[in-house]
């Protein structure tokens, strides 16, 4: 592992993101813990944890950064047809731990094991209990077939992971998330690192300077929403918007 800064366990301080190593993912620091306070301090600066069981806690700040502006969500013709068919039911914050567990279990190309360790699972479930982390669930015939989870701070949603056990299920979750966040006036969805799946939905890459500016402008914006209750009716609106 390249030489990085080790966090002082007595503080919540991180190195500035300009100190991230010049590697594809922007390794910034190591050590610390996954307490809610440290995780919040990290996300507010555009830093997130990503590590395996055999590693210390590693903290990252990639550049370029993959983001999606909610109003720019791209819905392909085939996905529009699937949305109109109404074969999926979409809920919010109903099965947070189960969504994380499915994200951990889904095989991913070129990746052995999972970075969603038991320590990570417990930490984000605590954030969920505090109303900071959220999950989107996609159901088919009563079975959980897709979903995603992430962190909401101010007017920024930090996407963490998604899974799909049936065609387009994770895309359905992402579209509903983007449309709901657009309705609420969220500025951006942080997608962290680009991949073809996210790009197909409209994600784009921006540099660290622009991402830092987005955080500065939106992370302290007041945002209080009923994530469960306000989800009612979103699918009907989506059907109308995708019928053209």
Protein backbone atom coordinates (compact mmCIF):
# COMPACT_ATOMS: atom_id res chain seq x y z
CA UNK A 1 0.00 0.00 0.00
CA UNK A 2 1.38 3.48 -0.84
CA UNK A 3 2.38 5.74 2.05
CA UNK A 4 -0.63 7.69 3.33
CA UNK A 5 -1.45 9.78 6.37
CA UNK A 6 -2.62 7.90 9.46
CA UNK A 7 -5.53 9.50 11.27
CA UNK A 8 -5.19 10.70 14.83
CA UNK A 9 -7.70 8.58 16.80
CA UNK A 10 -8.17 11.41 19.30
CA UNK A 11 -9.65 13.79 16.69
CA UNK A 12 -12.02 13.71 13.73
CA UNK A 13 -9.56 15.59 11.52
CA UNK A 14 -8.75 14.43 7.98
CA UNK A 15 -6.01 15.61 5.64
CA UNK A 16 -7.31 18.00 3.01
CA UNK A 17 -8.50 16.15 -0.07
CA UNK A 18 -5.77 17.81 -2.14
CA UNK A 19 -3.42 15.36 -0.39
CA UNK A 20 -5.09 12.31 -1.95
CA UNK A 21 -2.58 10.13 -3.75
CA UNK A 22 -2.40 10.32 -7.51
CA UNK A 23 -3.91 6.90 -8.10
CA UNK A 24 -7.15 5.94 -9.86
CA UNK A 25 -9.23 6.09 -6.68
CA UNK A 26 -7.57 8.84 -4.64
CA UNK A 27 -6.36 7.11 -1.48
CA UNK A 28 -6.15 9.79 1.22
CA UNK A 29 -5.71 8.32 4.71
CA UNK A 30 -5.81 5.20 6.85
CA UNK A 31 -6.88 4.31 10.37
CA UNK A 32 -9.45 5.85 12.65
CA UNK A 33 -12.82 4.20 13.15
CA UNK A 34 -16.30 4.04 11.66
CA UNK A 35 -18.10 5.99 14.35
CA UNK A 36 -21.07 8.04 13.13
CA UNK A 37 -19.20 11.22 14.00
CA UNK A 38 -16.13 10.31 11.96
CA UNK A 39 -18.20 9.09 9.02
CA UNK A 40 -20.16 12.35 8.98
CA UNK A 41 -16.95 14.38 9.17
CA UNK A 42 -15.58 12.39 6.23
CA UNK A 43 -18.62 12.66 3.96
CA UNK A 44 -18.93 16.38 4.59
CA UNK A 45 -15.47 16.71 3.01
CA UNK A 46 -16.11 14.30 0.13
CA UNK A 47 -14.21 11.42 1.77
CA UNK A 48 -15.51 7.87 2.12
CA UNK A 49 -14.23 4.56 3.58
CA UNK A 50 -13.46 1.58 1.37
CA UNK A 51 -11.42 -1.40 2.59
CA UNK A 52 -11.38 -5.15 2.99
CA UNK A 53 -11.29 -7.24 6.16
CA UNK A 54 -7.55 -7.76 5.86
CA UNK A 55 -6.82 -4.02 5.61
CA UNK A 56 -6.93 -1.06 7.98
CA UNK A 57 -9.77 1.39 7.39
CA UNK A 58 -8.88 3.26 4.20
CA UNK A 59 -10.30 6.66 3.25
CA UNK A 60 -10.65 7.88 -0.34
CA UNK A 61 -11.27 11.05 -2.33
CA UNK A 62 -11.14 10.27 -6.07
CA UNK A 63 -10.65 12.76 -8.86
CA UNK A 64 -12.32 12.77 -11.29
CA UNK A 65 -15.49 12.21 -9.29
CA UNK A 66 -18.55 10.50 -10.73
CA UNK A 67 -21.73 12.44 -9.99
CA UNK A 68 -25.27 12.62 -11.27
CA UNK A 69 -27.32 15.79 -11.21
CA UNK A 70 -30.85 14.52 -10.46
CA UNK A 71 -32.47 16.50 -13.28
CA UNK A 72 -30.10 14.80 -15.73
CA UNK A 73 -31.14 11.21 -15.01
CA UNK A 74 -31.22 9.32 -18.31
CA UNK A 75 -34.03 6.82 -18.81
CA UNK A 76 -33.63 4.62 -21.88
CA UNK A 77 -36.60 3.57 -24.00
CA UNK A 78 -36.47 0.04 -22.64
CA UNK A 79 -36.36 1.29 -19.06
CA UNK A 80 -39.29 3.62 -19.72
CA UNK A 81 -41.30 0.64 -20.96
CA UNK A 82 -40.44 -1.34 -17.84
CA UNK A 83 -41.46 1.59 -15.63
CA UNK A 84 -44.78 1.89 -17.44
CA UNK A 85 -45.49 -1.82 -17.01
CA UNK A 86 -45.41 -1.37 -13.24
CA UNK A 87 -43.93 -4.80 -12.57
CA UNK A 88 -41.91 -3.49 -9.63
CA UNK A 89 -42.93 -1.86 -6.37
CA UNK A 90 -40.50 0.69 -4.94
CA UNK A 91 -40.20 1.53 -1.23
CA UNK A 92 -37.84 3.57 0.90
CA UNK A 93 -36.18 2.77 4.25
CA UNK A 94 -38.06 -0.51 4.70
CA UNK A 95 -35.18 -3.02 4.65
CA UNK A 96 -31.94 -1.09 5.09
CA UNK A 97 -29.83 -3.90 6.54
CA UNK A 98 -31.17 -6.39 4.00
CA UNK A 99 -30.28 -4.04 1.13
CA UNK A 100 -26.73 -3.72 2.47
CA UNK A 101 -26.44 -7.47 2.86
CA UNK A 102 -27.57 -8.03 -0.73
CA UNK A 103 -25.07 -5.41 -1.94
CA UNK A 104 -22.35 -7.32 -0.10
CA UNK A 105 -23.39 -10.68 -1.56
CA UNK A 106 -23.76 -9.75 -5.23
CA UNK A 107 -20.73 -10.99 -7.28
CA UNK A 108 -18.92 -8.18 -9.10
CA UNK A 109 -16.62 -8.55 -12.09
CA UNK A 110 -12.95 -8.36 -11.16
CA UNK A 111 -13.69 -8.24 -7.44
CA UNK A 112 -13.23 -11.04 -4.93
CA UNK A 113 -15.11 -10.88 -1.67
CA UNK A 114 -16.74 -7.66 -0.52
CA UNK A 115 -15.74 -4.33 0.97
CA UNK A 116 -19.03 -4.25 2.89
CA UNK A 117 -17.57 -5.89 5.99
CA UNK A 118 -19.50 -6.65 9.17
CA UNK A 119 -17.92 -3.52 10.68
CA UNK A 120 -19.13 -1.46 7.74
CA UNK A 121 -22.61 -2.99 7.93
CA UNK A 122 -22.99 -2.16 11.62
CA UNK A 123 -21.66 1.39 11.13
CA UNK A 124 -24.10 2.29 8.34
CA UNK A 125 -27.01 0.67 10.14
CA UNK A 126 -26.26 3.05 13.00
CA UNK A 127 -26.37 5.95 10.53
CA UNK A 128 -29.71 4.60 9.31
CA UNK A 129 -31.00 4.50 12.89
CA UNK A 130 -30.06 8.18 13.17
CA UNK A 131 -31.93 9.09 9.98
CA UNK A 132 -28.76 9.84 7.99
CA UNK A 133 -28.48 6.73 5.82
CA UNK A 134 -31.32 5.59 3.55
CA UNK A 135 -32.24 2.65 1.35
CA UNK A 136 -34.39 2.23 -1.73
CA UNK A 137 -35.97 -1.20 -2.18
CA UNK A 138 -37.37 -2.69 -5.39
CA UNK A 139 -39.83 -5.55 -5.01
CA UNK A 140 -41.29 -8.09 -7.42
CA UNK A 141 -44.08 -10.38 -6.25
CA UNK A 142 -43.15 -9.73 -2.64
CA UNK A 143 -39.46 -10.49 -3.10
CA UNK A 144 -36.65 -7.95 -2.74
CA UNK A 145 -35.05 -7.87 -6.19
CA UNK A 146 -32.96 -4.71 -6.18
CA UNK A 147 -32.03 -1.61 -4.31
CA UNK A 148 -29.41 0.85 -3.20
CA UNK A 149 -28.31 2.72 -0.10
CA UNK A 150 -26.44 5.91 0.72
CA UNK A 151 -26.07 8.94 2.94
CA UNK A 152 -28.05 12.20 2.78
CA UNK A 153 -26.46 15.37 4.17
CA UNK A 154 -27.90 18.76 3.32
CA UNK A 155 -28.79 18.72 -0.37
CA UNK A 156 -26.23 16.03 -1.29
CA UNK A 157 -26.90 12.29 -1.53
CA UNK A 158 -23.80 10.11 -1.31
CA UNK A 159 -24.55 6.83 -3.10
CA UNK A 160 -22.75 3.81 -1.66
CA UNK A 161 -23.81 0.63 -3.42
CA UNK A 162 -26.63 -0.99 -5.36
CA UNK A 163 -27.67 -4.51 -6.28
CA UNK A 164 -29.95 -6.22 -8.75
CA UNK A 165 -31.36 -9.75 -8.74
CA UNK A 166 -33.72 -9.15 -11.67
CA UNK A 167 -33.41 -7.18 -14.90
CA UNK A 168 -33.19 -3.41 -14.37
CA UNK A 169 -34.07 -3.61 -10.67
CA UNK A 170 -31.14 -1.45 -9.54
CA UNK A 171 -31.81 1.02 -12.35
CA UNK A 172 -35.43 1.31 -11.20
CA UNK A 173 -34.17 2.13 -7.70
CA UNK A 174 -31.78 4.76 -9.02
CA UNK A 175 -34.38 6.43 -11.24
CA UNK A 176 -36.83 6.69 -8.36
CA UNK A 177 -34.12 8.08 -6.11
CA UNK A 178 -33.09 10.70 -8.66
CA UNK A 179 -36.68 11.80 -9.31
CA UNK A 180 -37.44 12.06 -5.59
CA UNK A 181 -34.25 14.03 -4.93
CA UNK A 182 -35.07 16.35 -7.82
CA UNK A 183 -38.50 16.96 -6.27
CA UNK A 184 -36.79 17.80 -2.97
CA UNK A 185 -34.29 20.16 -4.59
CA UNK A 186 -31.16 18.09 -4.01
CA UNK A 187 -28.16 19.38 -5.95
CA UNK A 188 -26.24 16.20 -6.72
CA UNK A 189 -25.88 12.46 -6.23
CA UNK A 190 -22.29 11.45 -5.49
CA UNK A 191 -21.55 8.25 -7.40
CA UNK A 192 -17.89 8.18 -6.30
CA UNK A 193 -16.19 6.27 -9.13
CA UNK A 194 -17.53 5.98 -12.67
CA UNK A 195 -18.63 2.69 -14.21
CA UNK A 196 -20.67 1.79 -17.33
CA UNK A 197 -23.80 1.09 -15.29
CA UNK A 198 -23.83 4.58 -13.75
CA UNK A 199 -22.82 6.25 -17.00
CA UNK A 200 -25.80 4.65 -18.74
CA UNK A 201 -28.05 6.45 -16.26
CA UNK A 202 -26.51 9.86 -16.87
CA UNK A 203 -23.63 10.00 -14.40
CA UNK A 204 -20.72 12.20 -15.45
CA UNK A 205 -17.23 12.96 -14.18
CA UNK A 206 -16.14 16.26 -12.63
CA UNK A 207 -12.84 17.30 -11.11
CA UNK A 208 -12.17 17.57 -7.38
CA UNK A 209 -12.35 21.37 -7.39
CA UNK A 210 -15.86 21.37 -8.82
CA UNK A 211 -16.99 18.60 -6.47
CA UNK A 212 -15.59 20.47 -3.47
CA UNK A 213 -17.47 23.57 -4.57
CA UNK A 214 -20.71 21.56 -4.87
CA UNK A 215 -20.23 20.31 -1.32
CA UNK A 216 -19.47 23.79 0.00
CA UNK A 217 -22.62 25.19 -1.62
CA UNK A 218 -25.01 22.41 -0.57
CA UNK A 219 -23.79 20.36 2.39
CA UNK A 220 -25.16 22.82 4.97
CA UNK A 221 -28.45 23.47 3.18
CA UNK A 222 -31.40 22.57 5.41
CA UNK A 223 -33.03 19.35 4.27
CA UNK A 224 -35.75 17.68 6.33
CA UNK A 225 -37.93 15.14 4.56
CA UNK A 226 -40.11 12.17 5.40
CA UNK A 227 -38.17 9.61 3.41
CA UNK A 228 -40.77 6.90 3.95
CA UNK A 229 -44.00 8.86 3.79
CA UNK A 230 -43.00 11.17 0.94
CA UNK A 231 -42.26 8.16 -1.25
CA UNK A 232 -46.01 7.62 -1.78
CA UNK A 233 -47.10 8.58 -5.26
CA UNK A 234 -43.66 8.89 -6.79
CA UNK A 235 -44.13 5.91 -9.05
CA UNK A 236 -47.38 7.32 -10.44
CA UNK A 237 -45.58 10.58 -11.24
CA UNK A 238 -42.77 8.66 -12.86
CA UNK A 239 -45.21 6.77 -15.07
CA UNK A 240 -46.65 10.05 -16.33
CA UNK A 241 -43.20 11.52 -17.00
CA UNK A 242 -41.99 8.49 -18.93
CA UNK A 243 -45.11 7.96 -21.04
CA UNK A 244 -43.98 10.33 -23.77
